[in-house]
Amino acid sequence: MNSNTKTRSKGIEPEVFGLWIANGSILMMFAAFTSAYIVRQAQGNWLEFRLPEWFFWSTLIIVASSFTIHFAYKNFLSRNIQMYKKLYLITFVLGVLFVITQYLGWLAMNDSGVELTGNPAGSFVYVISGVHALHVLGGLAALAVGVLKMYLLPDGFSQKRKTRFKMMVHYWHFVDILWIYLLLFFILQ
């Protein structure tokens, strides 16, 4: 074992650290969005409306997907290849369902008279939830690459695969927690 491996195993991997720097930037962007929401709401002419039930369904879906990716990673580490592949694929499907339910939520908002270009209250919900959905789509792209590699490459365990998987798990949990924060923000405002 060389000294680089010893040093690296005692701390956080540079790739994971870089991911958390990026997550911090994303978090700051959403903090700015929610701050702007509060400032604009205080100016008046603010439409009060109920969030579509689809947003609550999407919350259950993304929370479930956090569990499936967590247990997929645990099974990967314990070399339970079949269960890891199954849970990873379920995570991908749940991620797609999350985006679909977000879209259905936007359609329900529009059908109830809350349009993207109407009152700023609705516009903020569309933009904030839409930007979040784009981040989930980015995660889905990474998951899709993982699914392809999972089925096209020979089964194997390497530090590189472990680190990539860990990054995926961290990112997925991040977008999950971020959505829960956003939903609570919309409800409590």
N, C-alpha and C. Protein backbone atom coordinates (compact mmCIF):
# COMPACT_ATOMS: atom_id res chain seq x y z
N MET A 1 0.86 -1.18 0.00
CA MET A 1 0.00 0.00 0.00
C MET A 1 0.89 1.23 0.00
N ASN A 2 0.72 2.11 -0.96
CA ASN A 2 1.55 3.31 -1.00
C ASN A 2 1.01 4.37 -0.05
N SER A 3 1.79 5.42 0.16
CA SER A 3 1.40 6.46 1.12
C SER A 3 0.16 7.23 0.66
N ASN A 4 -0.05 7.35 -0.65
CA ASN A 4 -1.23 8.04 -1.16
C ASN A 4 -2.50 7.30 -0.78
N THR A 5 -2.46 5.97 -0.87
CA THR A 5 -3.61 5.16 -0.50
C THR A 5 -3.88 5.26 0.99
N LYS A 6 -2.83 5.23 1.80
CA LYS A 6 -3.01 5.36 3.25
C LYS A 6 -3.65 6.69 3.60
N THR A 7 -3.16 7.77 3.02
CA THR A 7 -3.69 9.10 3.30
C THR A 7 -5.13 9.21 2.83
N ARG A 8 -5.40 8.68 1.66
CA ARG A 8 -6.73 8.80 1.09
C ARG A 8 -7.76 8.00 1.89
N SER A 9 -7.38 6.86 2.42
CA SER A 9 -8.34 6.02 3.13
C SER A 9 -8.73 6.61 4.48
N LYS A 10 -7.96 7.53 5.02
CA LYS A 10 -8.26 8.11 6.32
C LYS A 10 -9.22 9.30 6.23
N GLY A 11 -9.36 9.87 5.07
CA GLY A 11 -10.21 11.04 4.92
C GLY A 11 -11.24 10.84 3.83
N ILE A 12 -11.85 11.93 3.46
CA ILE A 12 -12.86 11.90 2.41
C ILE A 12 -12.17 11.89 1.05
N GLU A 13 -12.72 11.11 0.14
CA GLU A 13 -12.15 11.06 -1.21
C GLU A 13 -12.29 12.44 -1.86
N PRO A 14 -11.29 12.86 -2.64
CA PRO A 14 -11.37 14.17 -3.29
C PRO A 14 -12.60 14.33 -4.17
N GLU A 15 -13.00 13.24 -4.84
CA GLU A 15 -14.17 13.30 -5.70
C GLU A 15 -15.44 13.58 -4.91
N VAL A 16 -15.55 12.92 -3.76
CA VAL A 16 -16.72 13.12 -2.89
C VAL A 16 -16.71 14.53 -2.32
N PHE A 17 -15.53 15.01 -1.95
CA PHE A 17 -15.41 16.38 -1.45
C PHE A 17 -15.84 17.37 -2.53
N GLY A 18 -15.40 17.14 -3.76
CA GLY A 18 -15.80 18.01 -4.87
C GLY A 18 -17.30 18.01 -5.08
N LEU A 19 -17.91 16.83 -4.94
CA LEU A 19 -19.37 16.74 -5.06
C LEU A 19 -20.04 17.60 -3.99
N TRP A 20 -19.54 17.56 -2.77
CA TRP A 20 -20.16 18.35 -1.70
C TRP A 20 -19.93 19.85 -1.88
N ILE A 21 -18.84 20.23 -2.51
CA ILE A 21 -18.66 21.64 -2.87
C ILE A 21 -19.73 22.04 -3.89
N ALA A 22 -19.95 21.18 -4.89
CA ALA A 22 -21.00 21.45 -5.88
C ALA A 22 -22.37 21.48 -5.22
N ASN A 23 -22.64 20.53 -4.32
CA ASN A 23 -23.92 20.52 -3.60
C ASN A 23 -24.10 21.80 -2.80
N GLY A 24 -23.01 22.29 -2.21
CA GLY A 24 -23.09 23.55 -1.47
C GLY A 24 -23.48 24.71 -2.37
N SER A 25 -22.96 24.72 -3.58
CA SER A 25 -23.33 25.77 -4.55
C SER A 25 -24.80 25.66 -4.93
N ILE A 26 -25.26 24.43 -5.14
CA ILE A 26 -26.67 24.22 -5.46
C ILE A 26 -27.55 24.67 -4.31
N LEU A 27 -27.13 24.34 -3.10
CA LEU A 27 -27.88 24.75 -1.91
C LEU A 27 -27.97 26.27 -1.81
N MET A 28 -26.88 26.95 -2.11
CA MET A 28 -26.89 28.42 -2.07
C MET A 28 -27.84 28.99 -3.12
N MET A 29 -27.91 28.35 -4.27
CA MET A 29 -28.83 28.81 -5.31
C MET A 29 -30.27 28.69 -4.82
N PHE A 30 -30.61 27.56 -4.19
CA PHE A 30 -31.97 27.39 -3.68
C PHE A 30 -32.24 28.30 -2.48
N ALA A 31 -31.23 28.60 -1.70
CA ALA A 31 -31.39 29.58 -0.61
C ALA A 31 -31.72 30.95 -1.20
N ALA A 32 -31.08 31.28 -2.31
CA ALA A 32 -31.38 32.56 -2.98
C ALA A 32 -32.80 32.55 -3.53
N PHE A 33 -33.22 31.44 -4.15
CA PHE A 33 -34.59 31.34 -4.66
C PHE A 33 -35.62 31.52 -3.54
N THR A 34 -35.40 30.81 -2.43
CA THR A 34 -36.40 30.90 -1.36
C THR A 34 -36.35 32.26 -0.67
N SER A 35 -35.19 32.88 -0.61
CA SER A 35 -35.12 34.25 -0.07
C SER A 35 -35.87 35.23 -0.97
N ALA A 36 -35.69 35.08 -2.28
CA ALA A 36 -36.41 35.95 -3.22
C ALA A 36 -37.92 35.72 -3.10
N TYR A 37 -38.32 34.49 -2.90
CA TYR A 37 -39.74 34.15 -2.69
C TYR A 37 -40.29 34.93 -1.50
N ILE A 38 -39.57 34.90 -0.38
CA ILE A 38 -40.02 35.59 0.84
C ILE A 38 -40.10 37.10 0.62
N VAL A 39 -39.07 37.65 -0.02
CA VAL A 39 -39.06 39.10 -0.27
C VAL A 39 -40.23 39.48 -1.18
N ARG A 40 -40.44 38.72 -2.25
CA ARG A 40 -41.53 39.06 -3.19
C ARG A 40 -42.89 38.87 -2.53
N GLN A 41 -43.04 37.86 -1.70
CA GLN A 41 -44.30 37.61 -1.00
C GLN A 41 -44.66 38.78 -0.09
N ALA A 42 -43.66 39.39 0.52
CA ALA A 42 -43.89 40.51 1.44
C ALA A 42 -44.37 41.76 0.70
N GLN A 43 -44.17 41.83 -0.60
CA GLN A 43 -44.58 43.00 -1.37
C GLN A 43 -46.07 43.01 -1.69
N GLY A 44 -46.77 41.96 -1.37
CA GLY A 44 -48.20 41.92 -1.62
C GLY A 44 -48.54 41.35 -2.99
N ASN A 45 -49.86 41.37 -3.32
CA ASN A 45 -50.36 40.82 -4.57
C ASN A 45 -49.90 39.36 -4.73
N TRP A 46 -50.07 38.60 -3.66
CA TRP A 46 -49.58 37.24 -3.62
C TRP A 46 -50.76 36.27 -3.61
N LEU A 47 -50.78 35.38 -4.55
CA LEU A 47 -51.86 34.42 -4.69
C LEU A 47 -51.65 33.26 -3.72
N GLU A 48 -52.65 33.00 -2.90
CA GLU A 48 -52.61 31.84 -2.01
C GLU A 48 -53.26 30.68 -2.75
N PHE A 49 -52.59 29.56 -2.81
CA PHE A 49 -53.17 28.38 -3.47
C PHE A 49 -52.62 27.12 -2.81
N ARG A 50 -53.36 26.07 -2.98
CA ARG A 50 -52.97 24.77 -2.42
C ARG A 50 -52.08 24.05 -3.42
N LEU A 51 -51.01 23.48 -2.90
CA LEU A 51 -50.13 22.69 -3.76
C LEU A 51 -50.86 21.44 -4.24
N PRO A 52 -50.64 21.04 -5.46
CA PRO A 52 -51.27 19.82 -5.96
C PRO A 52 -50.81 18.59 -5.18
N GLU A 53 -51.69 17.63 -5.06
CA GLU A 53 -51.35 16.39 -4.36
C GLU A 53 -50.17 15.67 -5.02
N TRP A 54 -49.96 15.91 -6.30
CA TRP A 54 -48.86 15.26 -7.00
C TRP A 54 -47.52 15.56 -6.32
N PHE A 55 -47.38 16.76 -5.77
CA PHE A 55 -46.12 17.11 -5.09
C PHE A 55 -45.91 16.26 -3.84
N PHE A 56 -46.98 15.89 -3.18
CA PHE A 56 -46.86 15.04 -1.99
C PHE A 56 -46.54 13.59 -2.39
N TRP A 57 -47.14 13.15 -3.50
CA TRP A 57 -46.81 11.82 -4.02
C TRP A 57 -45.35 11.77 -4.45
N SER A 58 -44.90 12.83 -5.10
CA SER A 58 -43.51 12.85 -5.55
C SER A 58 -42.55 12.82 -4.36
N THR A 59 -42.97 13.40 -3.24
CA THR A 59 -42.14 13.37 -2.04
C THR A 59 -41.99 11.94 -1.53
N LEU A 60 -43.10 11.22 -1.48
CA LEU A 60 -43.03 9.82 -1.05
C LEU A 60 -42.13 9.01 -1.99
N ILE A 61 -42.22 9.30 -3.27
CA ILE A 61 -41.43 8.57 -4.26
C ILE A 61 -39.94 8.85 -4.09
N ILE A 62 -39.57 10.12 -3.91
CA ILE A 62 -38.13 10.41 -3.81
C ILE A 62 -37.56 9.93 -2.48
N VAL A 63 -38.38 9.94 -1.42
CA VAL A 63 -37.91 9.38 -0.15
C VAL A 63 -37.69 7.87 -0.30
N ALA A 64 -38.63 7.20 -0.96
CA ALA A 64 -38.47 5.76 -1.20
C ALA A 64 -37.21 5.49 -2.01
N SER A 65 -36.93 6.35 -2.99
CA SER A 65 -35.74 6.15 -3.82
C SER A 65 -34.45 6.35 -3.02
N SER A 66 -34.49 7.18 -2.00
CA SER A 66 -33.31 7.31 -1.13
C SER A 66 -33.04 6.02 -0.38
N PHE A 67 -34.12 5.37 0.05
CA PHE A 67 -33.95 4.08 0.72
C PHE A 67 -33.40 3.03 -0.24
N THR A 68 -33.95 3.00 -1.45
CA THR A 68 -33.51 1.96 -2.38
C THR A 68 -32.05 2.16 -2.79
N ILE A 69 -31.62 3.41 -2.99
CA ILE A 69 -30.22 3.61 -3.37
C ILE A 69 -29.30 3.33 -2.19
N HIS A 70 -29.75 3.64 -0.98
CA HIS A 70 -28.96 3.36 0.21
C HIS A 70 -28.73 1.84 0.33
N PHE A 71 -29.81 1.08 0.19
CA PHE A 71 -29.67 -0.37 0.33
C PHE A 71 -28.99 -1.00 -0.89
N ALA A 72 -29.10 -0.36 -2.05
CA ALA A 72 -28.35 -0.84 -3.21
C ALA A 72 -26.85 -0.72 -2.91
N TYR A 73 -26.45 0.40 -2.34
CA TYR A 73 -25.04 0.62 -2.00
C TYR A 73 -24.57 -0.38 -0.94
N LYS A 74 -25.39 -0.60 0.07
CA LYS A 74 -25.05 -1.58 1.12
C LYS A 74 -24.86 -2.98 0.50
N ASN A 75 -25.76 -3.35 -0.41
CA ASN A 75 -25.65 -4.65 -1.08
C ASN A 75 -24.43 -4.70 -2.00
N PHE A 76 -24.11 -3.58 -2.62
CA PHE A 76 -22.90 -3.51 -3.45
C PHE A 76 -21.67 -3.77 -2.58
N LEU A 77 -21.61 -3.12 -1.43
CA LEU A 77 -20.46 -3.28 -0.53
C LEU A 77 -20.34 -4.72 -0.01
N SER A 78 -21.48 -5.36 0.22
CA SER A 78 -21.44 -6.74 0.72
C SER A 78 -21.40 -7.77 -0.42
N ARG A 79 -21.26 -7.27 -1.65
CA ARG A 79 -21.12 -8.11 -2.86
C ARG A 79 -22.36 -8.92 -3.17
N ASN A 80 -23.51 -8.47 -2.75
CA ASN A 80 -24.78 -9.11 -3.10
C ASN A 80 -25.23 -8.49 -4.43
N ILE A 81 -24.63 -8.96 -5.49
CA ILE A 81 -24.75 -8.33 -6.81
C ILE A 81 -26.19 -8.28 -7.32
N GLN A 82 -26.92 -9.38 -7.21
CA GLN A 82 -28.29 -9.40 -7.74
C GLN A 82 -29.18 -8.38 -7.03
N MET A 83 -29.08 -8.31 -5.70
CA MET A 83 -29.92 -7.37 -4.95
C MET A 83 -29.50 -5.93 -5.22
N TYR A 84 -28.20 -5.70 -5.32
CA TYR A 84 -27.72 -4.35 -5.62
C TYR A 84 -28.25 -3.88 -6.98
N LYS A 85 -28.19 -4.75 -7.98
CA LYS A 85 -28.67 -4.38 -9.31
C LYS A 85 -30.17 -4.10 -9.30
N LYS A 86 -30.90 -4.92 -8.60
CA LYS A 86 -32.36 -4.76 -8.52
C LYS A 86 -32.71 -3.43 -7.85
N LEU A 87 -32.09 -3.14 -6.72
CA LEU A 87 -32.39 -1.90 -5.98
C LEU A 87 -31.93 -0.66 -6.75
N TYR A 88 -30.81 -0.77 -7.44
CA TYR A 88 -30.31 0.34 -8.25
C TYR A 88 -31.29 0.67 -9.37
N LEU A 89 -31.77 -0.36 -10.03
CA LEU A 89 -32.74 -0.18 -11.11
C LEU A 89 -34.05 0.40 -10.57
N ILE A 90 -34.49 -0.07 -9.40
CA ILE A 90 -35.70 0.48 -8.77
C ILE A 90 -35.50 1.96 -8.46
N THR A 91 -34.32 2.32 -8.00
CA THR A 91 -34.02 3.73 -7.73
C THR A 91 -34.18 4.57 -8.98
N PHE A 92 -33.65 4.07 -10.10
CA PHE A 92 -33.77 4.78 -11.37
C PHE A 92 -35.24 4.97 -11.75
N VAL A 93 -36.03 3.91 -11.64
CA VAL A 93 -37.46 3.98 -11.99
C VAL A 93 -38.18 4.97 -11.07
N LEU A 94 -37.86 4.94 -9.78
CA LEU A 94 -38.48 5.88 -8.85
C LEU A 94 -38.08 7.33 -9.18
N GLY A 95 -36.85 7.53 -9.61
CA GLY A 95 -36.42 8.86 -10.03
C GLY A 95 -37.22 9.36 -11.22
N VAL A 96 -37.46 8.48 -12.17
CA VAL A 96 -38.28 8.85 -13.34
C VAL A 96 -39.70 9.17 -12.87
N LEU A 97 -40.24 8.35 -11.98
CA LEU A 97 -41.59 8.61 -11.45
C LEU A 97 -41.65 9.94 -10.71
N PHE A 98 -40.59 10.30 -10.00
CA PHE A 98 -40.55 11.60 -9.33
C PHE A 98 -40.73 12.73 -10.34
N VAL A 99 -39.96 12.68 -11.41
CA VAL A 99 -40.04 13.75 -12.43
C VAL A 99 -41.43 13.75 -13.07
N ILE A 100 -41.99 12.60 -13.33
CA ILE A 100 -43.33 12.52 -13.92
C ILE A 100 -44.36 13.13 -12.97
N THR A 101 -44.28 12.83 -11.68
CA THR A 101 -45.26 13.39 -10.74
C THR A 101 -45.07 14.90 -10.57
N GLN A 102 -43.84 15.37 -10.71
CA GLN A 102 -43.62 16.81 -10.69
C GLN A 102 -44.33 17.46 -11.89
N TYR A 103 -44.17 16.86 -13.05
CA TYR A 103 -44.82 17.36 -14.26
C TYR A 103 -46.34 17.35 -14.09
N LEU A 104 -46.86 16.26 -13.53
CA LEU A 104 -48.31 16.19 -13.30
C LEU A 104 -48.75 17.26 -12.30
N GLY A 105 -47.90 17.57 -11.35
CA GLY A 105 -48.19 18.66 -10.41
C GLY A 105 -48.25 20.00 -11.11
N TRP A 106 -47.33 20.23 -12.03
CA TRP A 106 -47.36 21.48 -12.79
C TRP A 106 -48.61 21.57 -13.65
N LEU A 107 -48.99 20.44 -14.27
CA LEU A 107 -50.22 20.44 -15.06
C LEU A 107 -51.44 20.73 -14.18
N ALA A 108 -51.48 20.13 -12.98
CA ALA A 108 -52.59 20.37 -12.06
C ALA A 108 -52.63 21.83 -11.63
N MET A 109 -51.46 22.43 -11.40
CA MET A 109 -51.43 23.85 -11.05
C MET A 109 -52.00 24.69 -12.19
N ASN A 110 -51.54 24.40 -13.40
CA ASN A 110 -52.02 25.14 -14.55
C ASN A 110 -53.53 24.97 -14.74
N ASP A 111 -54.02 23.74 -14.58
CA ASP A 111 -55.45 23.47 -14.73
C ASP A 111 -56.29 24.20 -13.68
N SER A 112 -55.69 24.45 -12.51
CA SER A 112 -56.43 25.15 -11.45
C SER A 112 -56.30 26.67 -11.57
N GLY A 113 -55.67 27.14 -12.63
CA GLY A 113 -55.57 28.58 -12.86
C GLY A 113 -54.28 29.21 -12.37
N VAL A 114 -53.37 28.41 -11.84
CA VAL A 114 -52.07 28.92 -11.39
C VAL A 114 -51.09 28.69 -12.53
N GLU A 115 -50.88 29.74 -13.33
CA GLU A 115 -50.06 29.61 -14.53
C GLU A 115 -48.63 30.08 -14.28
N LEU A 116 -47.74 29.60 -15.11
CA LEU A 116 -46.33 29.97 -14.99
C LEU A 116 -46.13 31.47 -15.07
N THR A 117 -46.83 32.13 -15.99
CA THR A 117 -46.64 33.56 -16.20
C THR A 117 -47.70 34.40 -15.50
N GLY A 118 -48.45 33.79 -14.59
CA GLY A 118 -49.49 34.52 -13.87
C GLY A 118 -48.91 35.21 -12.65
N ASN A 119 -49.57 35.01 -11.54
CA ASN A 119 -49.14 35.60 -10.28
C ASN A 119 -47.75 35.09 -9.89
N PRO A 120 -46.91 35.96 -9.31
CA PRO A 120 -45.56 35.53 -8.93
C PRO A 120 -45.52 34.33 -7.99
N ALA A 121 -46.55 34.14 -7.18
CA ALA A 121 -46.57 32.99 -6.26
C ALA A 121 -46.45 31.69 -7.05
N GLY A 122 -47.26 31.55 -8.07
CA GLY A 122 -47.21 30.35 -8.90
C GLY A 122 -45.91 30.26 -9.68
N SER A 123 -45.47 31.41 -10.21
CA SER A 123 -44.23 31.42 -10.98
C SER A 123 -43.06 30.91 -10.16
N PHE A 124 -42.99 31.34 -8.91
CA PHE A 124 -41.91 30.87 -8.04
C PHE A 124 -41.96 29.36 -7.85
N VAL A 125 -43.15 28.82 -7.63
CA VAL A 125 -43.27 27.37 -7.42
C VAL A 125 -42.84 26.62 -8.68
N TYR A 126 -43.28 27.09 -9.84
CA TYR A 126 -42.86 26.45 -11.09
C TYR A 126 -41.34 26.49 -11.25
N VAL A 127 -40.77 27.66 -11.05
CA VAL A 127 -39.33 27.81 -11.29
C VAL A 127 -38.51 27.01 -10.27
N ILE A 128 -38.84 27.15 -9.01
CA ILE A 128 -38.06 26.45 -7.97
C ILE A 128 -38.19 24.94 -8.12
N SER A 129 -39.41 24.45 -8.28
CA SER A 129 -39.58 23.00 -8.43
C SER A 129 -39.01 22.52 -9.76
N GLY A 130 -39.08 23.36 -10.78
CA GLY A 130 -38.52 23.00 -12.08
C GLY A 130 -37.00 22.91 -12.06
N VAL A 131 -36.36 23.85 -11.41
CA VAL A 131 -34.89 23.79 -11.30
C VAL A 131 -34.48 22.57 -10.47
N HIS A 132 -35.25 22.27 -9.43
CA HIS A 132 -34.96 21.06 -8.66
C HIS A 132 -35.11 19.82 -9.55
N ALA A 133 -36.18 19.77 -10.33
CA ALA A 133 -36.40 18.63 -11.22
C ALA A 133 -35.24 18.49 -12.22
N LEU A 134 -34.67 19.60 -12.67
CA LEU A 134 -33.50 19.53 -13.56
C LEU A 134 -32.32 18.88 -12.85
N HIS A 135 -32.16 19.16 -11.56
CA HIS A 135 -31.08 18.52 -10.81
C HIS A 135 -31.35 17.02 -10.64
N VAL A 136 -32.61 16.67 -10.48
CA VAL A 136 -32.95 15.25 -10.41
C VAL A 136 -32.69 14.59 -11.76
N LEU A 137 -33.02 15.29 -12.85
CA LEU A 137 -32.72 14.74 -14.19
C LEU A 137 -31.22 14.52 -14.37
N GLY A 138 -30.41 15.42 -13.85
CA GLY A 138 -28.97 15.23 -13.90
C GLY A 138 -28.56 13.97 -13.14
N GLY A 139 -29.18 13.78 -11.97
CA GLY A 139 -28.94 12.55 -11.22
C GLY A 139 -29.40 11.32 -11.96
N LEU A 140 -30.54 11.45 -12.65
CA LEU A 140 -31.04 10.32 -13.45
C LEU A 140 -30.08 9.97 -14.59
N ALA A 141 -29.47 10.98 -15.17
CA ALA A 141 -28.48 10.71 -16.23
C ALA A 141 -27.31 9.92 -15.66
N ALA A 142 -26.85 10.31 -14.47
CA ALA A 142 -25.76 9.57 -13.83
C ALA A 142 -26.21 8.15 -13.46
N LEU A 143 -27.44 8.03 -12.97
CA LEU A 143 -27.97 6.70 -12.66
C LEU A 143 -28.06 5.84 -13.92
N ALA A 144 -28.47 6.45 -15.03
CA ALA A 144 -28.59 5.71 -16.29
C ALA A 144 -27.22 5.18 -16.73
N VAL A 145 -26.20 5.99 -16.59
CA VAL A 145 -24.84 5.53 -16.91
C VAL A 145 -24.48 4.36 -16.00
N GLY A 146 -24.85 4.47 -14.72
CA GLY A 146 -24.59 3.38 -13.78
C GLY A 146 -25.33 2.11 -14.17
N VAL A 147 -26.57 2.25 -14.62
CA VAL A 147 -27.34 1.08 -15.05
C VAL A 147 -26.66 0.43 -16.25
N LEU A 148 -26.23 1.23 -17.22
CA LEU A 148 -25.54 0.67 -18.39
C LEU A 148 -24.27 -0.06 -17.98
N LYS A 149 -23.47 0.57 -17.13
CA LYS A 149 -22.23 -0.06 -16.69
C LYS A 149 -22.50 -1.33 -15.89
N MET A 150 -23.57 -1.29 -15.12
CA MET A 150 -23.93 -2.43 -14.28
C MET A 150 -24.22 -3.67 -15.13
N TYR A 151 -24.83 -3.46 -16.29
CA TYR A 151 -25.20 -4.59 -17.14
C TYR A 151 -24.21 -4.87 -18.25
N LEU A 152 -23.40 -3.88 -18.63
CA LEU A 152 -22.48 -4.09 -19.74
C LEU A 152 -21.06 -4.47 -19.30
N LEU A 153 -20.67 -4.03 -18.11
CA LEU A 153 -19.33 -4.36 -17.62
C LEU A 153 -19.39 -5.60 -16.75
N PRO A 154 -18.30 -6.33 -16.69
CA PRO A 154 -18.31 -7.51 -15.82
C PRO A 154 -18.47 -7.09 -14.36
N ASP A 155 -19.13 -7.95 -13.59
CA ASP A 155 -19.28 -7.68 -12.17
C ASP A 155 -17.89 -7.58 -11.56
N GLY A 156 -17.73 -6.61 -10.74
CA GLY A 156 -16.44 -6.44 -10.09
C GLY A 156 -16.54 -5.34 -9.05
N PHE A 157 -15.58 -5.34 -8.19
CA PHE A 157 -15.55 -4.36 -7.13
C PHE A 157 -14.20 -3.68 -7.16
N SER A 158 -14.22 -2.37 -7.31
CA SER A 158 -12.98 -1.61 -7.28
C SER A 158 -13.21 -0.34 -6.47
N GLN A 159 -12.13 0.27 -6.05
CA GLN A 159 -12.24 1.53 -5.29
C GLN A 159 -12.90 2.60 -6.15
N LYS A 160 -12.61 2.60 -7.43
CA LYS A 160 -13.19 3.58 -8.35
C LYS A 160 -14.72 3.42 -8.42
N ARG A 161 -15.18 2.17 -8.57
CA ARG A 161 -16.63 1.93 -8.60
C ARG A 161 -17.28 2.29 -7.27
N LYS A 162 -16.62 1.94 -6.18
CA LYS A 162 -17.14 2.26 -4.86
C LYS A 162 -17.28 3.78 -4.68
N THR A 163 -16.26 4.52 -5.07
CA THR A 163 -16.30 5.98 -4.94
C THR A 163 -17.40 6.59 -5.81
N ARG A 164 -17.52 6.12 -7.03
CA ARG A 164 -18.58 6.63 -7.92
C ARG A 164 -19.96 6.34 -7.36
N PHE A 165 -20.13 5.14 -6.85
CA PHE A 165 -21.42 4.76 -6.27
C PHE A 165 -21.70 5.61 -5.03
N LYS A 166 -20.70 5.80 -4.20
CA LYS A 166 -20.86 6.63 -3.00
C LYS A 166 -21.27 8.05 -3.39
N MET A 167 -20.66 8.58 -4.44
CA MET A 167 -21.01 9.92 -4.91
C MET A 167 -22.46 9.97 -5.36
N MET A 168 -22.90 8.92 -6.06
CA MET A 168 -24.28 8.87 -6.52
C MET A 168 -25.24 8.85 -5.33
N VAL A 169 -24.90 8.05 -4.33
CA VAL A 169 -25.74 7.96 -3.13
C VAL A 169 -25.81 9.32 -2.43
N HIS A 170 -24.67 9.97 -2.27
CA HIS A 170 -24.66 11.27 -1.61
C HIS A 170 -25.49 12.30 -2.39
N TYR A 171 -25.30 12.31 -3.71
CA TYR A 171 -26.06 13.28 -4.52
C TYR A 171 -27.55 12.99 -4.43
N TRP A 172 -27.92 11.72 -4.52
CA TRP A 172 -29.33 11.37 -4.51
C TRP A 172 -29.98 11.74 -3.17
N HIS A 173 -29.29 11.47 -2.08
CA HIS A 173 -29.80 11.88 -0.77
C HIS A 173 -29.91 13.41 -0.69
N PHE A 174 -28.95 14.09 -1.28
CA PHE A 174 -28.97 15.56 -1.28
C PHE A 174 -30.21 16.10 -1.99
N VAL A 175 -30.51 15.59 -3.21
CA VAL A 175 -31.69 16.11 -3.92
C VAL A 175 -32.98 15.70 -3.21
N ASP A 176 -32.96 14.58 -2.52
CA ASP A 176 -34.11 14.16 -1.71
C ASP A 176 -34.35 15.15 -0.57
N ILE A 177 -33.33 15.39 0.22
CA ILE A 177 -33.46 16.32 1.35
C ILE A 177 -33.80 17.72 0.86
N LEU A 178 -33.21 18.12 -0.25
CA LEU A 178 -33.51 19.43 -0.82
C LEU A 178 -34.99 19.53 -1.19
N TRP A 179 -35.56 18.48 -1.79
CA TRP A 179 -36.97 18.52 -2.15
C TRP A 179 -37.84 18.59 -0.90
N ILE A 180 -37.50 17.86 0.14
CA ILE A 180 -38.29 17.91 1.39
C ILE A 180 -38.26 19.32 1.95
N TYR A 181 -37.08 19.95 1.94
CA TYR A 181 -36.98 21.34 2.39
C TYR A 181 -37.88 22.25 1.55
N LEU A 182 -37.82 22.10 0.23
CA LEU A 182 -38.62 22.95 -0.65
C LEU A 182 -40.11 22.75 -0.42
N LEU A 183 -40.54 21.52 -0.29
CA LEU A 183 -41.95 21.25 -0.06
C LEU A 183 -42.39 21.87 1.26
N LEU A 184 -41.62 21.68 2.31
CA LEU A 184 -41.97 22.29 3.61
C LEU A 184 -41.98 23.81 3.50
N PHE A 185 -41.04 24.35 2.77
CA PHE A 185 -40.99 25.80 2.56
C PHE A 185 -42.29 26.28 1.89
N PHE A 186 -42.71 25.61 0.83
CA PHE A 186 -43.94 26.00 0.14
C PHE A 186 -45.16 25.88 1.05
N ILE A 187 -45.20 24.84 1.86
CA ILE A 187 -46.34 24.64 2.75
C ILE A 187 -46.38 25.70 3.84
N LEU A 188 -45.23 26.01 4.42
CA LEU A 188 -45.19 26.92 5.57
C LEU A 188 -45.21 28.38 5.21
N GLN A 189 -44.99 28.71 3.94
CA GLN A 189 -44.99 30.12 3.54
C GLN A 189 -46.36 30.61 3.25
